[in-house]
Amino acid sequence: MRKAILILSMALFLLIPNMAWATVGSCLISQGKYQVAGTLGEEVRTLVFTCVGDVTDGSIPDTEMSASNLNFIKGWCLRKVEAYQTTVGVGDDADEGSIFILDSDGMDLLGSEDGGTTPYAGKYMIHATLKRMCFLNVYLPRAGLHTNFYTEVTNLLTLRVIDQDTGSADYTVVLTFRK
């Protein structure tokens, strides 16, 4: 009898955190690095945001990388951003979500002109079936134009996703860094 109660308690203990994670939108961040083929040891580093939207409205909270993630990429240049469905055709797919990559001062590295409210290069990056990619962009107010650029990472970055309204949709955002 005690063994059955212990097993039931363990099962509930393991199940409850998983149910909470599945109902509230969230992102997990993982690190990766690999050598570029055909080069003499040139390395590329990635931060991979694996996201699951809230069950009711598909949202996720702004996701700031940790200090250990910053140490992993500090001094590296953010070169490109990719987004794709983690699992296509399993459940509801995310669609027409827009992303921002914000630095610690709130500047969007994808070119938003209003500090992360209206997307520019990150507009509609999350698609139901297609993998999409964009390069960094900056808006130059004095010139009134946008230009591509590569910025060296010196502070924490935050992923913000808007307009992704599909409940429980899962998708991945990959940030790629080079020296």
Protein backbone atom coordinates (compact mmCIF):
# COMPACT_ATOMS: atom_id res chain seq x y z
CA MET A 1 0.00 0.00 0.00
CA ARG A 2 2.78 2.43 0.91
CA LYS A 3 4.56 1.56 -2.31
CA ALA A 4 1.43 2.35 -4.36
CA ILE A 5 0.99 5.71 -2.61
CA LEU A 6 4.66 6.52 -3.14
CA ILE A 7 4.45 5.68 -6.85
CA LEU A 8 1.25 7.74 -7.24
CA SER A 9 2.85 10.68 -5.42
CA MET A 10 5.93 10.52 -7.65
CA ALA A 11 3.78 10.38 -10.78
CA LEU A 12 1.81 13.47 -9.71
CA PHE A 13 5.01 15.27 -8.73
CA LEU A 14 6.46 14.70 -12.22
CA LEU A 15 3.20 15.40 -14.06
CA ILE A 16 2.21 18.73 -12.46
CA PRO A 17 5.28 20.76 -13.62
CA ASN A 18 4.87 19.37 -17.15
CA MET A 19 1.21 20.35 -17.24
CA ALA A 20 2.07 23.89 -16.08
CA TRP A 21 4.74 24.24 -18.76
CA ALA A 22 2.32 23.07 -21.44
CA THR A 23 -0.41 25.56 -20.48
CA VAL A 24 1.64 28.77 -20.08
CA GLY A 25 3.74 30.02 -22.98
CA SER A 26 7.48 29.64 -22.54
CA CYS A 27 10.86 29.29 -24.26
CA LEU A 28 13.88 27.19 -23.41
CA ILE A 29 17.30 28.39 -24.58
CA SER A 30 20.10 26.03 -25.60
CA GLN A 31 23.62 26.72 -26.85
CA GLY A 32 25.36 25.21 -29.84
CA LYS A 33 28.67 25.57 -31.63
CA TYR A 34 30.17 24.01 -34.72
CA GLN A 35 33.05 24.41 -37.15
CA VAL A 36 32.35 25.92 -40.55
CA ALA A 37 33.11 23.39 -43.30
CA GLY A 38 35.93 24.36 -45.65
CA THR A 39 37.56 26.83 -43.23
CA LEU A 40 40.56 26.60 -40.95
CA GLY A 41 38.69 26.18 -37.69
CA GLU A 42 36.21 29.05 -38.04
CA GLU A 43 33.54 28.56 -35.38
CA VAL A 44 29.87 29.50 -35.38
CA ARG A 45 27.82 29.73 -32.19
CA THR A 46 24.06 29.56 -31.84
CA LEU A 47 21.41 30.27 -29.25
CA VAL A 48 18.30 28.21 -29.93
CA PHE A 49 14.98 29.37 -28.44
CA THR A 50 12.53 26.45 -28.43
CA CYS A 51 9.10 27.95 -27.74
CA VAL A 52 5.61 26.70 -26.92
CA GLY A 53 2.76 29.20 -26.94
CA ASP A 54 0.15 29.59 -24.22
CA VAL A 55 -2.77 27.16 -24.69
CA THR A 56 -5.36 29.93 -24.84
CA ASP A 57 -3.76 32.74 -26.84
CA GLY A 58 -0.43 31.36 -28.15
CA SER A 59 1.63 34.04 -26.44
CA ILE A 60 5.01 33.69 -24.77
CA PRO A 61 6.56 36.16 -22.33
CA ASP A 62 9.60 38.16 -23.41
CA THR A 63 12.50 35.73 -22.98
CA GLU A 64 15.81 37.19 -21.80
CA MET A 65 18.91 35.07 -22.13
CA SER A 66 20.82 34.15 -18.99
CA ALA A 67 24.25 35.38 -17.88
CA SER A 68 25.77 32.05 -18.93
CA ASN A 69 24.30 32.51 -22.42
CA LEU A 70 25.80 36.01 -22.52
CA ASN A 71 29.22 34.64 -21.53
CA PHE A 72 28.91 32.07 -24.34
CA ILE A 73 28.41 34.74 -27.06
CA LYS A 74 29.89 37.95 -25.58
CA GLY A 75 32.14 39.62 -28.15
CA TRP A 76 30.63 37.61 -31.01
CA CYS A 77 28.58 39.26 -33.80
CA LEU A 78 24.94 38.35 -34.29
CA ARG A 79 24.74 37.55 -38.02
CA LYS A 80 21.33 36.05 -38.76
CA VAL A 81 18.03 34.99 -37.23
CA GLU A 82 16.01 31.96 -38.35
CA ALA A 83 12.53 30.81 -37.35
CA TYR A 84 10.66 27.59 -38.11
CA GLN A 85 7.98 25.24 -36.82
CA THR A 86 9.41 22.75 -34.36
CA THR A 87 6.84 20.11 -35.32
CA VAL A 88 4.88 20.65 -38.53
CA GLY A 89 1.41 19.10 -38.70
CA VAL A 90 1.36 17.95 -35.08
CA GLY A 91 -1.36 19.96 -33.39
CA ASP A 92 -1.92 23.55 -34.45
CA ASP A 93 0.93 25.31 -36.27
CA ALA A 94 2.01 28.84 -35.44
CA ASP A 95 1.51 31.37 -38.20
CA GLU A 96 2.32 35.01 -38.94
CA GLY A 97 4.09 35.66 -35.67
CA SER A 98 6.62 38.49 -35.69
CA ILE A 99 9.83 38.60 -33.67
CA PHE A 100 12.13 41.19 -32.16
CA ILE A 101 15.65 40.72 -30.78
CA LEU A 102 16.03 43.47 -28.19
CA ASP A 103 19.28 44.55 -26.54
CA SER A 104 19.32 45.60 -22.88
CA ASP A 105 18.49 49.19 -23.89
CA GLY A 106 15.35 48.06 -25.76
CA MET A 107 16.73 48.58 -29.28
CA ASP A 108 15.45 46.01 -31.75
CA LEU A 109 18.35 44.49 -33.69
CA LEU A 110 15.92 43.64 -36.49
CA GLY A 111 15.16 47.27 -37.34
CA SER A 112 11.95 48.24 -35.52
CA GLU A 113 11.60 52.01 -35.68
CA ASP A 114 9.63 52.26 -32.43
CA GLY A 115 11.52 50.12 -29.92
CA GLY A 116 9.92 46.73 -30.37
CA THR A 117 6.29 47.56 -31.12
CA THR A 118 6.15 47.48 -34.94
CA PRO A 119 8.34 44.80 -36.55
CA TYR A 120 10.60 45.39 -39.53
CA ALA A 121 12.94 42.54 -40.57
CA GLY A 122 11.28 40.22 -38.02
CA LYS A 123 7.78 40.70 -39.46
CA TYR A 124 5.94 37.39 -40.04
CA MET A 125 9.10 35.37 -39.36
CA ILE A 126 7.10 32.53 -37.79
CA HIS A 127 5.29 30.60 -40.54
CA ALA A 128 3.16 27.46 -40.39
CA THR A 129 5.32 25.40 -42.75
CA LEU A 130 8.25 27.47 -44.05
CA LYS A 131 11.61 28.15 -42.47
CA ARG A 132 12.39 31.87 -42.65
CA MET A 133 15.56 33.86 -42.14
CA CYS A 134 16.47 37.52 -41.77
CA PHE A 135 19.58 39.57 -41.20
CA LEU A 136 20.12 42.24 -38.61
CA ASN A 137 18.88 45.68 -39.49
CA VAL A 138 19.12 49.13 -38.00
CA TYR A 139 16.96 52.17 -38.65
CA LEU A 140 18.92 55.39 -39.13
CA PRO A 141 16.46 58.20 -38.25
CA ARG A 142 18.64 61.01 -39.54
CA ALA A 143 18.95 59.34 -42.95
CA GLY A 144 15.41 57.96 -42.83
CA LEU A 145 16.50 54.52 -44.00
CA HIS A 146 17.21 50.97 -42.91
CA THR A 147 20.52 49.18 -43.41
CA ASN A 148 21.87 45.74 -42.62
CA PHE A 149 24.57 45.55 -39.96
CA TYR A 150 26.23 43.07 -37.65
CA THR A 151 26.53 44.04 -34.03
CA GLU A 152 28.94 42.68 -31.45
CA VAL A 153 27.06 41.32 -28.44
CA THR A 154 27.98 43.16 -25.25
CA ASN A 155 24.81 42.82 -23.19
CA LEU A 156 21.81 40.56 -22.63
CA LEU A 157 19.44 39.94 -25.54
CA THR A 158 15.70 39.34 -25.28
CA LEU A 159 13.38 37.51 -27.70
CA ARG A 160 9.95 39.12 -28.07
CA VAL A 161 7.22 37.44 -30.13
CA ILE A 162 3.98 39.18 -31.11
CA ASP A 163 0.90 38.30 -33.20
CA GLN A 164 1.36 34.55 -32.72
CA ASP A 165 -2.19 33.68 -31.68
CA THR A 166 -2.30 29.89 -32.16
CA GLY A 167 -2.68 28.16 -28.80
CA SER A 168 0.03 25.62 -27.88
CA ALA A 169 1.90 26.20 -31.14
CA ASP A 170 5.57 25.25 -31.01
CA TYR A 171 8.35 26.93 -32.97
CA THR A 172 12.07 27.54 -32.84
CA VAL A 173 14.07 30.75 -33.21
CA VAL A 174 17.82 30.40 -33.87
CA LEU A 175 20.32 33.24 -33.40
CA THR A 176 23.64 32.66 -35.21
CA PHE A 177 26.87 34.35 -34.11
CA ARG A 178 30.30 34.62 -35.76
CA LYS A 179 33.54 36.35 -34.78
